Amino acid sequence: MEATVSAYDGRAVIRLNGRFDFSAHREFRSAVDEVLRGRSVSQIEVDLGKVAYLDSSALGMLLMLRDKARGNNCAVALANCGGSVRQVLEIANFSKLFPIS
């Protein structure tokens, strides 16, 4: 998986591409650290538009991001969720934890 980060106007976007599973842990954590380190952001959007697959470890990583962001008074939203990615998020009731588009 590949993760890229962009930030502007107090908002950061983490764009993911590929399989979001346990093997992506280091790259995702690095992207999260980059967003939260030394930046003044109030909103983080995780763009899942190019994610072909995600598993339970990916769900755990999203929860970890939510907890870290909350500690920095920052909201997290999941964007461009479609197909099987949206289905996994719905089954896990993530719509109760994150705004999902």
C-alpha atoms as a PDB file:
ATOM      1  CA  MET A   1       0.000   0.000   0.000  1.00  0.00           C
ATOM      2  CA  GLU A   2       1.076   3.552  -0.686  1.00  0.00           C
ATOM      3  CA  ALA A   3       0.115   6.510   1.526  1.00  0.00           C
ATOM      4  CA  THR A   4       0.511  10.153   0.546  1.00  0.00           C
ATOM      5  CA  VAL A   5      -0.197  13.155   2.731  1.00  0.00           C
ATOM      6  CA  SER A   6      -1.265  16.657   1.800  1.00  0.00           C
ATOM      7  CA  ALA A   7      -2.282  19.481   4.120  1.00  0.00           C
ATOM      8  CA  TYR A   8      -3.806  22.907   3.645  1.00  0.00           C
ATOM      9  CA  ASP A   9      -6.009  25.337   5.579  1.00  0.00           C
ATOM     10  CA  GLY A  10      -6.031  23.270   8.776  1.00  0.00           C
ATOM     11  CA  ARG A  11      -7.074  20.132   6.913  1.00  0.00           C
ATOM     12  CA  ALA A  12      -4.981  17.080   6.049  1.00  0.00           C
ATOM     13  CA  VAL A  13      -5.709  14.315   3.578  1.00  0.00           C
ATOM     14  CA  ILE A  14      -4.140  10.854   3.766  1.00  0.00           C
ATOM     15  CA  ARG A  15      -4.611   9.153   0.396  1.00  0.00           C
ATOM     16  CA  LEU A  16      -4.235   5.388   0.396  1.00  0.00           C
ATOM     17  CA  ASN A  17      -3.641   3.220  -2.646  1.00  0.00           C
ATOM     18  CA  GLY A  18      -3.619  -0.591  -2.742  1.00  0.00           C
ATOM     19  CA  ARG A  19      -4.359  -3.220  -0.104  1.00  0.00           C
ATOM     20  CA  PHE A  20      -4.951  -1.777   3.353  1.00  0.00           C
ATOM     21  CA  ASP A  21      -4.009  -4.667   5.605  1.00  0.00           C
ATOM     22  CA  PHE A  22      -1.484  -5.557   8.304  1.00  0.00           C
ATOM     23  CA  SER A  23       1.445  -5.213   5.908  1.00  0.00           C
ATOM     24  CA  ALA A  24       0.539  -1.514   5.532  1.00  0.00           C
ATOM     25  CA  HIS A  25       0.901  -0.821   9.248  1.00  0.00           C
ATOM     26  CA  ARG A  26       4.270   0.979   9.082  1.00  0.00           C
ATOM     27  CA  GLU A  27       3.363   3.118   6.110  1.00  0.00           C
ATOM     28  CA  PHE A  28      -0.002   4.125   7.587  1.00  0.00           C
ATOM     29  CA  ARG A  29       1.490   4.918  10.985  1.00  0.00           C
ATOM     30  CA  SER A  30       4.190   7.009   9.308  1.00  0.00           C
ATOM     31  CA  ALA A  31       1.523   8.987   7.413  1.00  0.00           C
ATOM     32  CA  VAL A  32      -0.448   9.532  10.631  1.00  0.00           C
ATOM     33  CA  ASP A  33       2.661  10.708  12.469  1.00  0.00           C
ATOM     34  CA  GLU A  34       3.485  13.080   9.611  1.00  0.00           C
ATOM     35  CA  VAL A  35       0.008  14.617   9.767  1.00  0.00           C
ATOM     36  CA  LEU A  36      -0.064  15.033  13.528  1.00  0.00           C
ATOM     37  CA  ARG A  37       3.557  16.089  14.067  1.00  0.00           C
ATOM     38  CA  GLY A  38       4.006  19.834  14.078  1.00  0.00           C
ATOM     39  CA  ARG A  39       0.898  20.623  12.064  1.00  0.00           C
ATOM     40  CA  SER A  40      -2.119  22.522  13.186  1.00  0.00           C
ATOM     41  CA  VAL A  41      -4.932  20.492  11.657  1.00  0.00           C
ATOM     42  CA  SER A  42      -8.516  20.277  12.830  1.00  0.00           C
ATOM     43  CA  GLN A  43      -9.716  17.768  10.221  1.00  0.00           C
ATOM     44  CA  ILE A  44      -8.121  14.632   8.770  1.00  0.00           C
ATOM     45  CA  GLU A  45      -9.663  12.931   5.787  1.00  0.00           C
ATOM     46  CA  VAL A  46      -8.623   9.391   4.897  1.00  0.00           C
ATOM     47  CA  ASP A  47      -9.218   8.943   1.162  1.00  0.00           C
ATOM     48  CA  LEU A  48      -9.991   5.280   0.508  1.00  0.00           C
ATOM     49  CA  GLY A  49     -10.946   5.739  -3.154  1.00  0.00           C
ATOM     50  CA  LYS A  50      -8.011   3.676  -4.436  1.00  0.00           C
ATOM     51  CA  VAL A  51      -8.100   1.004  -1.737  1.00  0.00           C
ATOM     52  CA  ALA A  52      -9.007  -2.343  -3.268  1.00  0.00           C
ATOM     53  CA  TYR A  53      -9.165  -4.282   0.000  1.00  0.00           C
ATOM     54  CA  LEU A  54      -9.149  -3.698   3.731  1.00  0.00           C
ATOM     55  CA  ASP A  55      -9.207  -6.122   6.636  1.00  0.00           C
ATOM     56  CA  SER A  56      -9.676  -6.068  10.398  1.00  0.00           C
ATOM     57  CA  SER A  57      -6.145  -4.798  11.020  1.00  0.00           C
ATOM     58  CA  ALA A  58      -6.938  -1.807   8.760  1.00  0.00           C
ATOM     59  CA  LEU A  59     -10.018  -1.146  10.879  1.00  0.00           C
ATOM     60  CA  GLY A  60      -7.778  -1.189  13.944  1.00  0.00           C
ATOM     61  CA  MET A  61      -5.406   1.295  12.330  1.00  0.00           C
ATOM     62  CA  LEU A  62      -8.306   3.637  11.573  1.00  0.00           C
ATOM     63  CA  LEU A  63      -9.379   3.425  15.224  1.00  0.00           C
ATOM     64  CA  MET A  64      -5.800   4.188  16.281  1.00  0.00           C
ATOM     65  CA  LEU A  65      -5.852   7.271  14.040  1.00  0.00           C
ATOM     66  CA  ARG A  66      -9.182   8.345  15.541  1.00  0.00           C
ATOM     67  CA  ASP A  67      -7.798   8.065  19.077  1.00  0.00           C
ATOM     68  CA  LYS A  68      -4.590   9.958  18.254  1.00  0.00           C
ATOM     69  CA  ALA A  69      -6.498  12.653  16.398  1.00  0.00           C
ATOM     70  CA  ARG A  70      -8.974  13.044  19.246  1.00  0.00           C
ATOM     71  CA  GLY A  71      -6.029  13.711  21.558  1.00  0.00           C
ATOM     72  CA  ASN A  72      -5.112  16.612  19.250  1.00  0.00           C
ATOM     73  CA  ASN A  73      -8.698  17.960  19.033  1.00  0.00           C
ATOM     74  CA  CYS A  74      -8.900  16.800  15.440  1.00  0.00           C
ATOM     75  CA  ALA A  75     -11.815  15.107  13.639  1.00  0.00           C
ATOM     76  CA  VAL A  76     -11.377  12.195  11.217  1.00  0.00           C
ATOM     77  CA  ALA A  77     -13.548  11.386   8.198  1.00  0.00           C
ATOM     78  CA  LEU A  78     -13.381   8.550   5.667  1.00  0.00           C
ATOM     79  CA  ALA A  79     -13.873   9.557   2.030  1.00  0.00           C
ATOM     80  CA  ASN A  80     -14.446   7.942  -1.362  1.00  0.00           C
ATOM     81  CA  CYS A  81     -15.512   4.645   0.177  1.00  0.00           C
ATOM     82  CA  GLY A  82     -17.047   2.343  -2.371  1.00  0.00           C
ATOM     83  CA  GLY A  83     -17.649  -1.302  -3.179  1.00  0.00           C
ATOM     84  CA  SER A  84     -16.184  -3.869  -0.830  1.00  0.00           C
ATOM     85  CA  VAL A  85     -14.445  -1.185   1.255  1.00  0.00           C
ATOM     86  CA  ARG A  86     -17.789   0.452   2.076  1.00  0.00           C
ATOM     87  CA  GLN A  87     -19.298  -2.958   2.760  1.00  0.00           C
ATOM     88  CA  VAL A  88     -16.594  -3.828   5.325  1.00  0.00           C
ATOM     89  CA  LEU A  89     -17.004  -0.416   6.993  1.00  0.00           C
ATOM     90  CA  GLU A  90     -20.776  -0.882   7.175  1.00  0.00           C
ATOM     91  CA  ILE A  91     -20.512  -4.401   8.609  1.00  0.00           C
ATOM     92  CA  ALA A  92     -18.141  -3.067  11.275  1.00  0.00           C
ATOM     93  CA  ASN A  93     -20.592  -0.199  12.073  1.00  0.00           C
ATOM     94  CA  PHE A  94     -17.888   2.379  11.375  1.00  0.00           C
ATOM     95  CA  SER A  95     -20.565   4.857  10.310  1.00  0.00           C
ATOM     96  CA  LYS A  96     -21.222   5.315  14.038  1.00  0.00           C
ATOM     97  CA  LEU A  97     -17.552   6.237  14.572  1.00  0.00           C
ATOM     98  CA  PHE A  98     -16.644   8.241  11.458  1.00  0.00           C
ATOM     99  CA  PRO A  99     -18.377  10.375   8.854  1.00  0.00           C
ATOM    100  CA  ILE A 100     -18.192   8.222   5.704  1.00  0.00           C
ATOM    101  CA  SER A 101     -18.637   9.437   2.154  1.00  0.00           C
END
